[in-house]
């Protein structure tokens, strides 16, 4: 009787934040010795945080155990898709479930890396390396950026990248980053305020001119707009 094929399960996560009004990716360099004490197939290559899923764990349990402690950030990963090319790992068959997570800029400085990596940092997405990636991680990043761009075109999105309180210029700059193209500021302001997805919660005094109004997202309205956007695609 033939034995079923042995397939390993893993997860990888695209971690994004906005620093100095530019979208950044948390990118690490892999340790020559991996998490289970074996030589890594991509030593010192650019890598997303991730790892194997244990036989006695659900994927979400592995993420809770590994991801937060590994990068030092509080994450709420969003499913992105499955990457299952037969030879994506040169050692054996590995299927990975990819996620992405949005980190507010005021928390990004907490980024750190566990022992599976030699170093890492935030890198602007328009300055990502063109080569030297581990596995298919560059492809995973491209899909995440494409997913975010698509969402930003059909619904208000990306609020997880902003502090709890933000001004409309910050939100506008974020959407330009997500859409990867210029967005008219005046029309954007009108559109956002018309949706009532944000509410005014105060202001900051200005050295000159009017104070800067501060806003925060209204979660229930955001969820309604998201549900409507997805319903329109069906």
Protein backbone atom coordinates (compact mmCIF):
# COMPACT_ATOMS: atom_id res chain seq x y z
CA UNK A 1 0.00 0.00 0.00
CA UNK A 2 1.41 3.38 -0.98
CA UNK A 3 2.03 5.90 1.76
CA UNK A 4 0.42 9.35 1.44
CA UNK A 5 2.84 12.13 0.51
CA UNK A 6 4.48 14.05 3.30
CA UNK A 7 3.60 17.75 3.05
CA UNK A 8 4.77 20.29 5.60
CA UNK A 9 2.57 23.25 6.55
CA UNK A 10 3.94 26.73 7.28
CA UNK A 11 2.81 30.33 7.59
CA UNK A 12 4.37 33.60 6.44
CA UNK A 13 3.26 37.14 7.25
CA UNK A 14 3.66 40.43 5.39
CA UNK A 15 3.98 43.09 8.12
CA UNK A 16 3.40 46.67 6.93
CA UNK A 17 3.52 50.10 8.51
CA UNK A 18 3.64 53.75 7.42
CA UNK A 19 6.75 55.68 8.44
CA UNK A 20 7.32 59.28 7.38
CA UNK A 21 4.25 59.02 5.12
CA UNK A 22 5.71 56.07 3.17
CA UNK A 23 4.58 52.43 3.26
CA UNK A 24 7.24 50.15 4.78
CA UNK A 25 7.69 46.38 5.00
CA UNK A 26 9.25 44.54 7.95
CA UNK A 27 11.99 42.50 6.28
CA UNK A 28 14.55 40.22 7.95
CA UNK A 29 17.75 38.40 7.00
CA UNK A 30 17.67 34.66 7.67
CA UNK A 31 19.95 32.91 10.14
CA UNK A 32 22.23 30.24 8.56
CA UNK A 33 20.80 27.78 11.13
CA UNK A 34 17.02 27.62 11.13
CA UNK A 35 14.46 27.23 13.91
CA UNK A 36 14.82 23.43 14.12
CA UNK A 37 18.64 23.44 14.13
CA UNK A 38 19.18 22.61 10.47
CA UNK A 39 21.18 24.56 7.86
CA UNK A 40 18.86 27.10 6.30
CA UNK A 41 18.35 26.76 2.51
CA UNK A 42 18.51 30.55 2.11
CA UNK A 43 21.14 31.81 4.57
CA UNK A 44 21.18 35.61 4.93
CA UNK A 45 18.36 35.95 2.36
CA UNK A 46 15.56 38.49 2.71
CA UNK A 47 12.66 36.92 4.54
CA UNK A 48 9.19 37.46 5.95
CA UNK A 49 8.51 36.30 9.50
CA UNK A 50 6.96 32.85 9.62
CA UNK A 51 7.64 29.19 10.32
CA UNK A 52 6.39 25.64 10.46
CA UNK A 53 3.01 24.69 11.89
CA UNK A 54 3.29 21.93 14.48
CA UNK A 55 1.35 18.70 14.00
CA UNK A 56 -0.65 19.36 17.18
CA UNK A 57 -1.48 23.00 16.39
CA UNK A 58 -3.96 24.91 14.29
CA UNK A 59 -2.40 27.63 12.14
CA UNK A 60 -3.85 30.38 14.35
CA UNK A 61 -2.25 28.76 17.41
CA UNK A 62 1.13 28.73 15.68
CA UNK A 63 0.78 32.39 14.75
CA UNK A 64 -0.06 33.36 18.34
CA UNK A 65 2.89 31.33 19.64
CA UNK A 66 5.44 32.50 17.09
CA UNK A 67 4.63 35.76 15.38
CA UNK A 68 4.11 38.26 18.20
CA UNK A 69 7.15 37.19 20.24
CA UNK A 70 9.24 36.89 17.08
CA UNK A 71 8.78 40.47 15.86
CA UNK A 72 7.84 42.22 19.10
CA UNK A 73 4.60 43.65 17.73
CA UNK A 74 0.93 43.14 18.53
CA UNK A 75 -0.49 41.72 15.31
CA UNK A 76 -3.93 40.84 13.95
CA UNK A 77 -3.00 39.01 10.74
CA UNK A 78 -5.45 38.95 7.82
CA UNK A 79 -5.52 35.85 5.55
CA UNK A 80 -3.94 36.50 2.17
CA UNK A 81 -3.80 33.14 0.39
CA UNK A 82 -2.09 29.78 -0.05
CA UNK A 83 1.27 29.40 -1.79
CA UNK A 84 1.87 25.81 -2.79
CA UNK A 85 4.34 25.61 -5.70
CA UNK A 86 5.85 22.11 -5.41
CA UNK A 87 9.44 23.36 -5.41
CA UNK A 88 9.06 26.60 -3.42
CA UNK A 89 11.24 24.96 -0.74
CA UNK A 90 14.28 23.08 -2.13
CA UNK A 91 14.33 20.60 0.80
CA UNK A 92 10.82 19.15 0.77
CA UNK A 93 7.21 19.96 -0.08
CA UNK A 94 6.01 22.92 2.00
CA UNK A 95 2.63 24.62 1.63
CA UNK A 96 2.44 28.02 3.30
CA UNK A 97 -0.61 30.03 4.31
CA UNK A 98 0.20 33.71 3.89
CA UNK A 99 -1.18 36.59 5.95
CA UNK A 100 -0.65 40.32 6.15
CA UNK A 101 -0.76 42.62 9.16
CA UNK A 102 -1.02 46.41 9.42
CA UNK A 103 0.93 48.11 12.20
CA UNK A 104 0.18 51.67 13.38
CA UNK A 105 3.13 53.97 12.87
CA UNK A 106 3.32 54.80 16.58
CA UNK A 107 4.00 51.11 17.34
CA UNK A 108 6.49 50.38 14.55
CA UNK A 109 9.53 51.21 16.68
CA UNK A 110 8.87 48.06 18.74
CA UNK A 111 10.01 45.87 15.83
CA UNK A 112 12.58 43.23 16.77
CA UNK A 113 13.63 39.84 15.42
CA UNK A 114 13.89 36.40 17.02
CA UNK A 115 16.77 33.91 16.75
CA UNK A 116 15.65 32.62 13.34
CA UNK A 117 16.97 35.88 11.84
CA UNK A 118 20.30 37.69 12.02
CA UNK A 119 18.86 41.16 11.52
CA UNK A 120 15.99 43.08 9.98
CA UNK A 121 14.39 46.48 9.60
CA UNK A 122 11.57 48.49 8.04
CA UNK A 123 12.18 49.01 4.29
CA UNK A 124 10.15 51.27 2.01
CA UNK A 125 8.06 49.18 -0.38
CA UNK A 126 9.28 51.24 -3.34
CA UNK A 127 12.88 50.38 -2.41
CA UNK A 128 12.59 46.64 -1.81
CA UNK A 129 15.49 44.47 -3.03
CA UNK A 130 15.02 42.98 -6.49
CA UNK A 131 16.89 39.76 -5.69
CA UNK A 132 18.18 37.70 -2.78
CA UNK A 133 14.79 36.67 -1.40
CA UNK A 134 14.05 33.43 0.43
CA UNK A 135 11.51 31.02 -1.04
CA UNK A 136 8.68 32.88 -2.82
CA UNK A 137 8.52 35.70 -0.28
CA UNK A 138 8.81 38.43 -2.89
CA UNK A 139 5.77 36.98 -4.66
CA UNK A 140 3.85 36.93 -1.36
CA UNK A 141 4.70 40.61 -0.77
CA UNK A 142 3.52 41.52 -4.27
CA UNK A 143 0.19 39.81 -3.67
CA UNK A 144 -0.27 41.60 -0.35
CA UNK A 145 0.43 44.99 -1.92
CA UNK A 146 -1.96 44.17 -4.76
CA UNK A 147 -4.66 43.15 -2.28
CA UNK A 148 -4.27 46.40 -0.36
CA UNK A 149 -4.32 48.47 -3.54
CA UNK A 150 -7.51 46.75 -4.68
CA UNK A 151 -9.20 47.30 -1.34
CA UNK A 152 -8.20 50.98 -1.25
CA UNK A 153 -9.84 51.51 -4.64
CA UNK A 154 -13.22 50.08 -3.61
CA UNK A 155 -13.50 50.94 0.09
CA UNK A 156 -11.93 53.02 2.88
CA UNK A 157 -9.07 50.86 4.14
CA UNK A 158 -5.67 50.87 5.81
CA UNK A 159 -6.81 52.41 9.10
CA UNK A 160 -4.74 49.81 10.94
CA UNK A 161 -1.65 51.61 9.64
CA UNK A 162 -2.55 54.89 11.36
CA UNK A 163 -2.44 55.97 15.02
CA UNK A 164 -5.78 55.89 16.83
CA UNK A 165 -6.15 59.63 16.13
CA UNK A 166 -5.02 61.03 12.80
CA UNK A 167 -5.58 63.97 10.49
CA UNK A 168 -6.98 63.77 6.97
CA UNK A 169 -3.64 64.57 5.36
CA UNK A 170 -2.19 61.46 7.00
CA UNK A 171 -5.11 59.40 5.72
CA UNK A 172 -4.74 60.91 2.25
CA UNK A 173 -0.99 60.17 2.17
CA UNK A 174 -1.72 56.60 3.21
CA UNK A 175 -4.19 56.06 0.38
CA UNK A 176 -1.69 57.43 -2.13
CA UNK A 177 0.77 54.84 -0.84
CA UNK A 178 -1.76 52.01 -1.01
CA UNK A 179 -3.02 52.97 -4.47
CA UNK A 180 0.53 53.64 -5.74
CA UNK A 181 -0.67 56.74 -7.56
CA UNK A 182 -1.58 60.41 -6.83
CA UNK A 183 -5.00 61.01 -5.25
CA UNK A 184 -6.69 64.44 -5.46
CA UNK A 185 -6.70 65.79 -1.92
CA UNK A 186 -9.88 67.87 -2.11
CA UNK A 187 -11.99 65.10 -3.65
CA UNK A 188 -10.54 62.58 -1.20
CA UNK A 189 -11.52 64.74 1.79
CA UNK A 190 -15.06 65.15 0.48
CA UNK A 191 -15.40 61.42 -0.22
CA UNK A 192 -14.15 60.33 3.20
CA UNK A 193 -16.31 62.79 5.12
CA UNK A 194 -19.36 61.87 3.02
CA UNK A 195 -19.04 58.21 4.06
CA UNK A 196 -19.03 59.17 7.77
CA UNK A 197 -16.38 56.45 8.29
CA UNK A 198 -14.39 58.90 10.45
CA UNK A 199 -15.48 61.31 13.15
CA UNK A 200 -13.80 64.43 14.47
CA UNK A 201 -12.39 63.97 17.97
CA UNK A 202 -10.32 67.10 18.59
CA UNK A 203 -7.58 69.23 17.13
CA UNK A 204 -3.94 70.20 17.43
CA UNK A 205 -2.93 73.87 17.64
CA UNK A 206 -0.97 75.20 14.70
CA UNK A 207 1.88 77.71 14.72
CA UNK A 208 0.14 79.48 11.85
CA UNK A 209 -3.37 79.28 10.49
CA UNK A 210 -6.15 77.03 11.66
CA UNK A 211 -5.73 74.11 14.10
CA UNK A 212 -5.34 70.64 12.60
CA UNK A 213 -8.48 68.58 13.06
CA UNK A 214 -8.05 65.06 14.41
CA UNK A 215 -10.23 62.09 13.51
CA UNK A 216 -10.73 58.46 14.44
CA UNK A 217 -12.38 55.63 12.55
CA UNK A 218 -15.95 54.54 13.28
CA UNK A 219 -15.63 50.71 13.30
CA UNK A 220 -19.30 49.93 12.65
CA UNK A 221 -19.47 52.26 9.65
CA UNK A 222 -16.19 50.86 8.31
CA UNK A 223 -17.56 47.32 8.56
CA UNK A 224 -20.77 48.33 6.78
CA UNK A 225 -18.82 49.92 3.93
CA UNK A 226 -16.56 46.88 3.68
CA UNK A 227 -19.55 44.52 3.55
CA UNK A 228 -21.18 46.67 0.86
CA UNK A 229 -18.01 46.71 -1.23
CA UNK A 230 -17.71 42.91 -1.16
CA UNK A 231 -21.42 42.41 -1.80
CA UNK A 232 -21.11 44.57 -4.94
CA UNK A 233 -18.51 42.16 -6.32
CA UNK A 234 -20.74 39.09 -6.03
